[in-house]
Amino acid sequence: MEFFFFNLSKAYDVLDHKILLFKLDAYGIRGLVKQWFKSYLCNRKQYIEINYMENTCQISEKFTSALKEMKDGVPQGLVLDPVLFLLYINDFSTNIQKGRTTLSADDTNIEIEATKANILNEK
């Protein structure tokens, strides 16, 4: 038995909004609720701000990046975000024909049984 582990680093950052909204529609989320999700995901902007203080000289500086539109990904830090990601990848296991998958927020495990390595390569 072989196990494959996938750690989808930056998974929340690359989620395609159009695909997610299509999948929400397929799950029966339509109308006003779907519009709410669309407004939650699309046309978001963010910037990064760093406050730096050097202890020895009491020097303080603030660095702020430019405001940037987020075209992909889900906002992070809320309970809703992992749920949206799981809805996004929920159909992943239907495309794995000869293995058993376990999905979690940003990790996926695929378990494949084979008696010999060359059989495993075929699966």
Protein backbone atom coordinates (compact mmCIF):
# COMPACT_ATOMS: atom_id res chain seq x y z
CA MET A 1 0.00 0.00 0.00
CA GLU A 2 1.34 3.41 -0.96
CA PHE A 3 0.35 6.83 0.31
CA PHE A 4 0.71 10.13 -1.48
CA PHE A 5 0.51 13.33 0.52
CA PHE A 6 -0.17 16.67 -1.12
CA ASN A 7 0.36 19.87 0.79
CA LEU A 8 -1.24 22.61 -1.25
CA SER A 9 0.91 25.51 -0.11
CA LYS A 10 -0.66 28.88 -0.78
CA ALA A 11 -3.84 26.97 -1.65
CA TYR A 12 -6.13 29.70 -0.37
CA ASP A 13 -4.28 32.28 -2.48
CA VAL A 14 -4.81 30.63 -5.87
CA LEU A 15 -8.48 29.70 -5.67
CA ASP A 16 -10.29 30.86 -8.83
CA HIS A 17 -13.38 32.95 -8.02
CA LYS A 18 -15.27 32.01 -11.20
CA ILE A 19 -14.81 28.30 -10.57
CA LEU A 20 -15.85 28.62 -6.93
CA LEU A 21 -18.99 30.60 -7.85
CA PHE A 22 -19.83 27.97 -10.49
CA LYS A 23 -19.46 25.22 -7.90
CA LEU A 24 -21.58 27.12 -5.36
CA ASP A 25 -24.29 27.30 -8.02
CA ALA A 26 -23.97 23.54 -8.59
CA TYR A 27 -24.41 22.99 -4.84
CA GLY A 28 -27.65 24.97 -4.99
CA ILE A 29 -26.36 28.27 -3.66
CA ARG A 30 -28.07 30.81 -5.91
CA GLY A 31 -29.79 34.18 -5.91
CA LEU A 32 -29.12 36.64 -3.12
CA VAL A 33 -26.88 34.26 -1.17
CA LYS A 34 -24.68 33.66 -4.22
CA GLN A 35 -24.51 37.43 -4.80
CA TRP A 36 -23.33 37.82 -1.21
CA PHE A 37 -20.56 35.28 -1.81
CA LYS A 38 -19.62 37.05 -5.03
CA SER A 39 -19.33 40.39 -3.23
CA TYR A 40 -17.31 38.68 -0.47
CA LEU A 41 -14.82 37.24 -2.97
CA CYS A 42 -14.59 39.64 -5.89
CA ASN A 43 -13.19 43.16 -6.17
CA ARG A 44 -11.35 42.92 -2.86
CA LYS A 45 -8.29 45.05 -2.29
CA GLN A 46 -5.58 44.72 0.30
CA TYR A 47 -2.28 46.19 1.34
CA ILE A 48 0.44 45.24 3.77
CA GLU A 49 1.59 47.52 6.56
CA ILE A 50 4.66 46.88 8.69
CA ASN A 51 5.52 48.90 11.78
CA TYR A 52 9.23 48.61 12.51
CA MET A 53 10.87 49.72 15.72
CA GLU A 54 14.53 49.33 16.50
CA ASN A 55 14.97 48.90 20.25
CA THR A 56 18.48 50.24 20.57
CA CYS A 57 17.88 53.65 18.97
CA GLN A 58 14.15 54.05 19.50
CA ILE A 59 13.79 54.49 15.74
CA SER A 60 10.32 53.77 14.43
CA GLU A 61 9.31 53.42 10.79
CA LYS A 62 6.16 52.38 8.98
CA PHE A 63 6.23 50.64 5.62
CA THR A 64 3.05 50.35 3.55
CA SER A 65 2.66 48.54 0.24
CA ALA A 66 0.49 49.76 -2.60
CA LEU A 67 -3.19 48.82 -2.60
CA LYS A 68 -3.66 45.77 -4.83
CA GLU A 69 -6.79 44.07 -6.13
CA MET A 70 -7.00 40.40 -5.18
CA LYS A 71 -8.12 38.58 -8.33
CA ASP A 72 -7.78 35.07 -6.90
CA GLY A 73 -7.95 33.40 -3.52
CA VAL A 74 -10.15 33.67 -0.49
CA PRO A 75 -9.65 36.07 2.41
CA GLN A 76 -8.00 34.35 5.33
CA GLY A 77 -8.64 34.40 9.03
CA LEU A 78 -12.35 33.66 9.14
CA VAL A 79 -14.23 30.40 9.71
CA LEU A 80 -15.80 30.72 6.24
CA ASP A 81 -12.50 30.52 4.35
CA PRO A 82 -11.66 26.82 4.92
CA VAL A 83 -15.30 25.95 4.19
CA LEU A 84 -15.10 27.73 0.83
CA PHE A 85 -11.83 25.99 0.03
CA LEU A 86 -13.29 22.57 0.89
CA LEU A 87 -16.28 23.29 -1.36
CA TYR A 88 -13.80 24.20 -4.08
CA ILE A 89 -11.89 20.89 -3.85
CA ASN A 90 -14.81 18.71 -2.77
CA ASP A 91 -15.12 16.98 -6.16
CA PHE A 92 -11.38 16.21 -6.35
CA SER A 93 -11.88 12.64 -5.11
CA THR A 94 -14.35 11.85 -7.91
CA ASN A 95 -11.44 12.14 -10.35
CA ILE A 96 -9.29 9.61 -8.47
CA GLN A 97 -10.46 6.26 -9.82
CA LYS A 98 -8.17 3.74 -8.14
CA GLY A 99 -7.45 5.28 -4.79
CA ARG A 100 -9.03 6.58 -1.63
CA THR A 101 -8.69 10.28 -0.87
CA THR A 102 -8.84 12.21 2.38
CA LEU A 103 -9.35 15.95 2.06
CA SER A 104 -8.67 18.59 4.68
CA ALA A 105 -8.22 22.35 4.55
CA ASP A 106 -4.99 22.42 2.55
CA ASP A 107 -3.76 18.83 2.67
CA THR A 108 -4.88 15.93 0.52
CA ASN A 109 -3.94 12.28 1.00
CA ILE A 110 -4.35 9.62 -1.68
CA GLU A 111 -4.10 5.97 -0.65
CA ILE A 112 -3.47 3.42 -3.41
CA GLU A 113 -3.12 -0.33 -2.94
CA ALA A 114 -0.74 -2.32 -5.12
CA THR A 115 1.24 -5.51 -4.65
CA LYS A 116 4.13 -4.43 -6.88
CA ALA A 117 5.68 -1.07 -7.73
CA ASN A 118 5.07 -1.44 -11.49
CA ILE A 119 1.33 -1.90 -10.82
CA LEU A 120 1.38 1.27 -8.77
CA ASN A 121 2.85 3.19 -11.71
CA GLU A 122 -0.12 2.09 -13.84
CA LYS A 123 -2.64 3.45 -11.34
